[in-house]
Amino acid sequence: DASEVVGKAAELLRREENMVKLQVPVGSTVHVVGDLHGQFWDLLHLLEMCGDPSPRNQYLFNGDFVDRGQFSVEVAFLLLALKVCYPRAVHLNRGNHEATRMNALYGFLHETEEKYSNDLFR
């Protein structure tokens, strides 16, 4: 259920510091990803190319997950689901597009209204 994923992810993120210090074991990889802007297929391709998250294959998503692209809701759900499934291997930094004003201006709020409900993302 979407609201369960959002709720679990929100709880995990509330417990984290604003600035997370990554622990990267020797021989491990961190994939730094930025500015997805709702490009769901690009995210899937990235995960296919780089592999599933794990303590030895971490991902750092540097904000701007949503807005502009047609699949911002799907990108948001997938990132939150990944955070829930791999809390120590998926790290999410908030960007300027993860703010209500930007979401209203660039389309994420409208997309959530059309596909689901804005209550889910508030």
N, C-alpha and C. Protein backbone atom coordinates (compact mmCIF):
# COMPACT_ATOMS: atom_id res chain seq x y z
N ASP A 1 0.84 -1.18 0.00
CA ASP A 1 0.00 0.00 0.00
C ASP A 1 0.89 1.26 0.00
N ALA A 2 0.54 2.19 -0.84
CA ALA A 2 1.36 3.40 -1.01
C ALA A 2 1.52 4.18 0.29
N SER A 3 0.45 4.34 1.03
CA SER A 3 0.54 5.13 2.26
C SER A 3 1.43 4.45 3.30
N GLU A 4 1.47 3.13 3.28
CA GLU A 4 2.34 2.40 4.20
C GLU A 4 3.82 2.64 3.85
N VAL A 5 4.15 2.61 2.57
CA VAL A 5 5.52 2.86 2.12
C VAL A 5 5.93 4.28 2.50
N VAL A 6 5.07 5.25 2.22
CA VAL A 6 5.37 6.64 2.53
C VAL A 6 5.56 6.81 4.04
N GLY A 7 4.69 6.20 4.83
CA GLY A 7 4.79 6.30 6.29
C GLY A 7 6.06 5.70 6.85
N LYS A 8 6.43 4.50 6.35
CA LYS A 8 7.66 3.86 6.82
C LYS A 8 8.89 4.66 6.41
N ALA A 9 8.89 5.16 5.20
CA ALA A 9 10.03 5.97 4.74
C ALA A 9 10.13 7.25 5.55
N ALA A 10 9.00 7.89 5.81
CA ALA A 10 9.01 9.13 6.59
C ALA A 10 9.59 8.88 7.98
N GLU A 11 9.24 7.77 8.59
CA GLU A 11 9.77 7.45 9.92
C GLU A 11 11.29 7.23 9.87
N LEU A 12 11.76 6.51 8.87
CA LEU A 12 13.21 6.31 8.71
C LEU A 12 13.93 7.64 8.52
N LEU A 13 13.39 8.49 7.67
CA LEU A 13 14.04 9.77 7.36
C LEU A 13 14.02 10.72 8.56
N ARG A 14 12.96 10.66 9.36
CA ARG A 14 12.90 11.50 10.57
C ARG A 14 14.00 11.15 11.55
N ARG A 15 14.39 9.88 11.58
CA ARG A 15 15.41 9.43 12.53
C ARG A 15 16.83 9.75 12.07
N GLU A 16 16.99 10.10 10.80
CA GLU A 16 18.32 10.40 10.28
C GLU A 16 18.67 11.87 10.50
N GLU A 17 19.96 12.10 10.59
CA GLU A 17 20.46 13.48 10.66
C GLU A 17 20.24 14.15 9.31
N ASN A 18 20.21 15.49 9.31
CA ASN A 18 20.11 16.21 8.05
C ASN A 18 21.31 15.95 7.15
N MET A 19 22.46 15.84 7.74
CA MET A 19 23.69 15.53 7.01
C MET A 19 24.11 14.12 7.42
N VAL A 20 23.96 13.19 6.51
CA VAL A 20 24.30 11.81 6.81
C VAL A 20 25.75 11.55 6.42
N LYS A 21 26.50 10.96 7.33
CA LYS A 21 27.87 10.58 7.03
C LYS A 21 27.85 9.12 6.60
N LEU A 22 28.23 8.90 5.33
CA LEU A 22 28.19 7.55 4.79
C LEU A 22 29.36 6.73 5.28
N GLN A 23 29.07 5.51 5.62
CA GLN A 23 30.10 4.54 5.95
C GLN A 23 30.25 3.64 4.73
N VAL A 24 31.38 3.76 4.06
CA VAL A 24 31.60 3.01 2.83
C VAL A 24 32.76 2.03 3.06
N PRO A 25 32.42 0.75 3.18
CA PRO A 25 33.48 -0.24 3.38
C PRO A 25 34.46 -0.26 2.21
N VAL A 26 35.70 -0.61 2.50
CA VAL A 26 36.73 -0.71 1.46
C VAL A 26 36.24 -1.70 0.40
N GLY A 27 36.40 -1.31 -0.87
CA GLY A 27 35.97 -2.16 -1.97
C GLY A 27 34.52 -1.99 -2.35
N SER A 28 33.83 -1.10 -1.66
CA SER A 28 32.42 -0.84 -1.95
C SER A 28 32.28 0.31 -2.94
N THR A 29 31.06 0.48 -3.43
CA THR A 29 30.76 1.52 -4.41
C THR A 29 29.62 2.38 -3.90
N VAL A 30 29.71 3.69 -4.17
CA VAL A 30 28.60 4.60 -3.93
C VAL A 30 28.27 5.26 -5.25
N HIS A 31 27.04 5.09 -5.70
CA HIS A 31 26.56 5.73 -6.92
C HIS A 31 25.89 7.04 -6.53
N VAL A 32 26.40 8.14 -6.99
CA VAL A 32 25.85 9.46 -6.67
C VAL A 32 24.96 9.86 -7.84
N VAL A 33 23.68 10.10 -7.54
CA VAL A 33 22.68 10.39 -8.56
C VAL A 33 22.00 11.71 -8.22
N GLY A 34 21.87 12.57 -9.21
CA GLY A 34 21.19 13.84 -8.97
C GLY A 34 20.22 14.17 -10.07
N ASP A 35 19.25 15.00 -9.74
CA ASP A 35 18.34 15.60 -10.71
C ASP A 35 17.59 14.59 -11.57
N LEU A 36 16.89 13.67 -10.94
CA LEU A 36 16.06 12.72 -11.69
C LEU A 36 14.86 13.41 -12.34
N HIS A 37 14.31 14.40 -11.65
CA HIS A 37 13.18 15.19 -12.17
C HIS A 37 12.09 14.35 -12.83
N GLY A 38 11.68 13.29 -12.16
CA GLY A 38 10.55 12.50 -12.66
C GLY A 38 10.86 11.61 -13.83
N GLN A 39 12.12 11.35 -14.10
CA GLN A 39 12.51 10.48 -15.22
C GLN A 39 12.60 9.04 -14.71
N PHE A 40 11.43 8.40 -14.61
CA PHE A 40 11.32 7.06 -14.04
C PHE A 40 12.13 6.03 -14.82
N TRP A 41 12.05 6.06 -16.13
CA TRP A 41 12.74 5.07 -16.95
C TRP A 41 14.26 5.22 -16.82
N ASP A 42 14.73 6.44 -16.65
CA ASP A 42 16.16 6.65 -16.42
C ASP A 42 16.58 6.04 -15.08
N LEU A 43 15.73 6.18 -14.07
CA LEU A 43 16.02 5.60 -12.76
C LEU A 43 16.07 4.08 -12.86
N LEU A 44 15.10 3.48 -13.55
CA LEU A 44 15.11 2.03 -13.71
C LEU A 44 16.37 1.57 -14.45
N HIS A 45 16.74 2.30 -15.48
CA HIS A 45 17.93 1.96 -16.25
C HIS A 45 19.19 2.05 -15.38
N LEU A 46 19.27 3.08 -14.56
CA LEU A 46 20.40 3.25 -13.65
C LEU A 46 20.50 2.07 -12.69
N LEU A 47 19.37 1.68 -12.11
CA LEU A 47 19.36 0.56 -11.18
C LEU A 47 19.73 -0.75 -11.88
N GLU A 48 19.27 -0.90 -13.11
CA GLU A 48 19.61 -2.10 -13.88
C GLU A 48 21.11 -2.15 -14.17
N MET A 49 21.68 -1.00 -14.53
CA MET A 49 23.11 -0.95 -14.86
C MET A 49 24.00 -1.12 -13.63
N CYS A 50 23.60 -0.52 -12.52
CA CYS A 50 24.47 -0.47 -11.33
C CYS A 50 24.16 -1.53 -10.28
N GLY A 51 23.02 -2.18 -10.38
CA GLY A 51 22.69 -3.26 -9.45
C GLY A 51 21.85 -2.82 -8.27
N ASP A 52 21.33 -3.81 -7.58
CA ASP A 52 20.49 -3.56 -6.41
C ASP A 52 21.31 -2.91 -5.29
N PRO A 53 20.66 -2.05 -4.52
CA PRO A 53 21.35 -1.46 -3.36
C PRO A 53 21.73 -2.53 -2.35
N SER A 54 22.86 -2.32 -1.73
CA SER A 54 23.33 -3.19 -0.65
C SER A 54 24.41 -2.41 0.10
N PRO A 55 24.84 -2.91 1.25
CA PRO A 55 25.90 -2.20 1.97
C PRO A 55 27.18 -2.03 1.14
N ARG A 56 27.41 -2.90 0.16
CA ARG A 56 28.59 -2.79 -0.69
C ARG A 56 28.29 -2.11 -2.03
N ASN A 57 27.03 -1.74 -2.25
CA ASN A 57 26.61 -1.08 -3.49
C ASN A 57 25.56 -0.02 -3.13
N GLN A 58 26.04 1.09 -2.58
CA GLN A 58 25.16 2.10 -2.04
C GLN A 58 24.77 3.14 -3.09
N TYR A 59 23.67 3.82 -2.81
CA TYR A 59 23.19 4.90 -3.67
C TYR A 59 22.98 6.16 -2.83
N LEU A 60 23.44 7.27 -3.35
CA LEU A 60 23.20 8.58 -2.76
C LEU A 60 22.45 9.41 -3.79
N PHE A 61 21.17 9.66 -3.53
CA PHE A 61 20.33 10.45 -4.42
C PHE A 61 20.32 11.89 -3.92
N ASN A 62 20.87 12.79 -4.72
CA ASN A 62 21.06 14.18 -4.30
C ASN A 62 19.94 15.10 -4.77
N GLY A 63 18.75 14.80 -4.39
CA GLY A 63 17.63 15.72 -4.57
C GLY A 63 17.13 15.90 -5.98
N ASP A 64 16.12 16.76 -6.08
CA ASP A 64 15.42 17.05 -7.32
C ASP A 64 14.90 15.75 -7.95
N PHE A 65 14.20 14.97 -7.12
CA PHE A 65 13.62 13.70 -7.56
C PHE A 65 12.42 13.91 -8.46
N VAL A 66 11.69 14.99 -8.21
CA VAL A 66 10.38 15.19 -8.85
C VAL A 66 10.34 16.49 -9.66
N ASP A 67 9.19 16.71 -10.28
CA ASP A 67 8.89 17.90 -11.10
C ASP A 67 9.50 17.75 -12.49
N ARG A 68 8.83 18.33 -13.42
CA ARG A 68 9.21 18.39 -14.84
C ARG A 68 8.90 17.11 -15.60
N GLY A 69 9.34 15.94 -15.13
CA GLY A 69 9.09 14.69 -15.84
C GLY A 69 7.67 14.21 -15.63
N GLN A 70 7.25 13.26 -16.45
CA GLN A 70 5.88 12.75 -16.41
C GLN A 70 5.65 11.73 -15.31
N PHE A 71 6.71 11.22 -14.71
CA PHE A 71 6.56 10.12 -13.76
C PHE A 71 7.18 10.45 -12.41
N SER A 72 6.95 11.66 -11.93
CA SER A 72 7.49 12.07 -10.64
C SER A 72 6.94 11.24 -9.49
N VAL A 73 5.65 10.91 -9.54
CA VAL A 73 5.05 10.11 -8.48
C VAL A 73 5.72 8.74 -8.41
N GLU A 74 5.93 8.14 -9.57
CA GLU A 74 6.57 6.83 -9.60
C GLU A 74 8.02 6.89 -9.11
N VAL A 75 8.73 7.94 -9.47
CA VAL A 75 10.10 8.12 -8.98
C VAL A 75 10.08 8.25 -7.45
N ALA A 76 9.19 9.07 -6.93
CA ALA A 76 9.10 9.27 -5.48
C ALA A 76 8.78 7.96 -4.77
N PHE A 77 7.79 7.22 -5.27
CA PHE A 77 7.44 5.93 -4.65
C PHE A 77 8.61 4.95 -4.69
N LEU A 78 9.27 4.85 -5.83
CA LEU A 78 10.37 3.90 -5.94
C LEU A 78 11.51 4.27 -5.00
N LEU A 79 11.87 5.54 -4.94
CA LEU A 79 12.95 5.96 -4.03
C LEU A 79 12.58 5.69 -2.58
N LEU A 80 11.33 5.99 -2.21
CA LEU A 80 10.90 5.73 -0.83
C LEU A 80 10.87 4.24 -0.54
N ALA A 81 10.42 3.44 -1.50
CA ALA A 81 10.40 1.98 -1.31
C ALA A 81 11.81 1.44 -1.17
N LEU A 82 12.73 1.95 -1.99
CA LEU A 82 14.13 1.53 -1.87
C LEU A 82 14.70 1.89 -0.50
N LYS A 83 14.34 3.07 -0.01
CA LYS A 83 14.81 3.50 1.32
C LYS A 83 14.29 2.56 2.40
N VAL A 84 13.03 2.15 2.27
CA VAL A 84 12.44 1.23 3.26
C VAL A 84 13.12 -0.14 3.18
N CYS A 85 13.34 -0.64 1.98
CA CYS A 85 13.92 -1.97 1.80
C CYS A 85 15.42 -2.02 2.11
N TYR A 86 16.12 -0.93 1.82
CA TYR A 86 17.58 -0.88 1.98
C TYR A 86 17.98 0.38 2.75
N PRO A 87 17.55 0.51 4.00
CA PRO A 87 17.76 1.79 4.72
C PRO A 87 19.23 2.20 4.89
N ARG A 88 20.15 1.24 4.90
CA ARG A 88 21.56 1.57 5.08
C ARG A 88 22.31 1.68 3.75
N ALA A 89 21.61 1.44 2.65
CA ALA A 89 22.27 1.46 1.35
C ALA A 89 21.69 2.51 0.40
N VAL A 90 20.55 3.09 0.78
CA VAL A 90 19.92 4.13 -0.04
C VAL A 90 19.82 5.39 0.81
N HIS A 91 20.38 6.47 0.30
CA HIS A 91 20.43 7.74 1.03
C HIS A 91 19.78 8.81 0.17
N LEU A 92 18.88 9.57 0.77
CA LEU A 92 18.12 10.59 0.04
C LEU A 92 18.40 11.97 0.60
N ASN A 93 18.99 12.83 -0.19
CA ASN A 93 19.17 14.23 0.18
C ASN A 93 18.09 15.05 -0.50
N ARG A 94 17.50 15.94 0.25
CA ARG A 94 16.44 16.80 -0.27
C ARG A 94 17.05 17.88 -1.17
N GLY A 95 16.40 18.11 -2.31
CA GLY A 95 16.80 19.20 -3.19
C GLY A 95 15.78 20.31 -3.16
N ASN A 96 16.00 21.34 -3.94
CA ASN A 96 15.05 22.47 -3.93
C ASN A 96 13.70 22.09 -4.52
N HIS A 97 13.62 21.01 -5.29
CA HIS A 97 12.33 20.58 -5.84
C HIS A 97 11.55 19.70 -4.86
N GLU A 98 12.11 19.41 -3.72
CA GLU A 98 11.37 18.70 -2.68
C GLU A 98 10.83 19.73 -1.68
N ALA A 99 10.17 20.73 -2.21
CA ALA A 99 9.55 21.79 -1.41
C ALA A 99 8.19 22.12 -2.03
N THR A 100 7.24 22.43 -1.20
CA THR A 100 5.86 22.64 -1.64
C THR A 100 5.76 23.70 -2.74
N ARG A 101 6.44 24.81 -2.57
CA ARG A 101 6.33 25.89 -3.57
C ARG A 101 6.83 25.42 -4.94
N MET A 102 7.96 24.74 -4.97
CA MET A 102 8.49 24.24 -6.23
C MET A 102 7.57 23.17 -6.81
N ASN A 103 7.02 22.30 -5.95
CA ASN A 103 6.10 21.26 -6.42
C ASN A 103 4.86 21.85 -7.06
N ALA A 104 4.37 22.95 -6.50
CA ALA A 104 3.20 23.62 -7.08
C ALA A 104 3.56 24.29 -8.40
N LEU A 105 4.73 24.87 -8.46
CA LEU A 105 5.15 25.61 -9.65
C LEU A 105 5.50 24.69 -10.82
N TYR A 106 6.16 23.57 -10.55
CA TYR A 106 6.67 22.72 -11.62
C TYR A 106 5.89 21.43 -11.86
N GLY A 107 4.77 21.21 -11.15
CA GLY A 107 3.86 20.16 -11.55
C GLY A 107 3.68 18.94 -10.68
N PHE A 108 4.51 18.75 -9.66
CA PHE A 108 4.37 17.54 -8.85
C PHE A 108 3.04 17.48 -8.12
N LEU A 109 2.60 18.57 -7.53
CA LEU A 109 1.32 18.56 -6.82
C LEU A 109 0.17 18.24 -7.77
N HIS A 110 0.19 18.80 -8.95
CA HIS A 110 -0.85 18.50 -9.94
C HIS A 110 -0.81 17.02 -10.34
N GLU A 111 0.38 16.50 -10.54
CA GLU A 111 0.51 15.08 -10.89
C GLU A 111 -0.04 14.18 -9.79
N THR A 112 0.25 14.51 -8.53
CA THR A 112 -0.26 13.68 -7.43
C THR A 112 -1.78 13.75 -7.35
N GLU A 113 -2.34 14.92 -7.61
CA GLU A 113 -3.81 15.04 -7.62
C GLU A 113 -4.42 14.16 -8.70
N GLU A 114 -3.81 14.15 -9.86
CA GLU A 114 -4.35 13.36 -10.97
C GLU A 114 -4.20 11.86 -10.76
N LYS A 115 -3.09 11.44 -10.19
CA LYS A 115 -2.82 10.01 -10.06
C LYS A 115 -3.29 9.42 -8.73
N TYR A 116 -3.20 10.19 -7.66
CA TYR A 116 -3.53 9.68 -6.34
C TYR A 116 -4.28 10.74 -5.56
N SER A 117 -3.63 11.24 -4.54
CA SER A 117 -4.22 12.26 -3.68
C SER A 117 -3.08 13.07 -3.07
N ASN A 118 -3.26 14.35 -2.98
CA ASN A 118 -2.23 15.18 -2.35
C ASN A 118 -2.07 14.85 -0.87
N ASP A 119 -3.09 14.30 -0.25
CA ASP A 119 -3.00 13.93 1.17
C ASP A 119 -1.86 12.95 1.41
N LEU A 120 -1.59 12.10 0.44
CA LEU A 120 -0.54 11.11 0.59
C LEU A 120 0.83 11.73 0.72
N PHE A 121 1.05 12.89 0.09
CA PHE A 121 2.38 13.50 0.06
C PHE A 121 2.52 14.71 0.97
N ARG A 122 1.59 14.95 1.80
CA ARG A 122 1.70 16.08 2.73
C ARG A 122 2.22 15.65 4.06
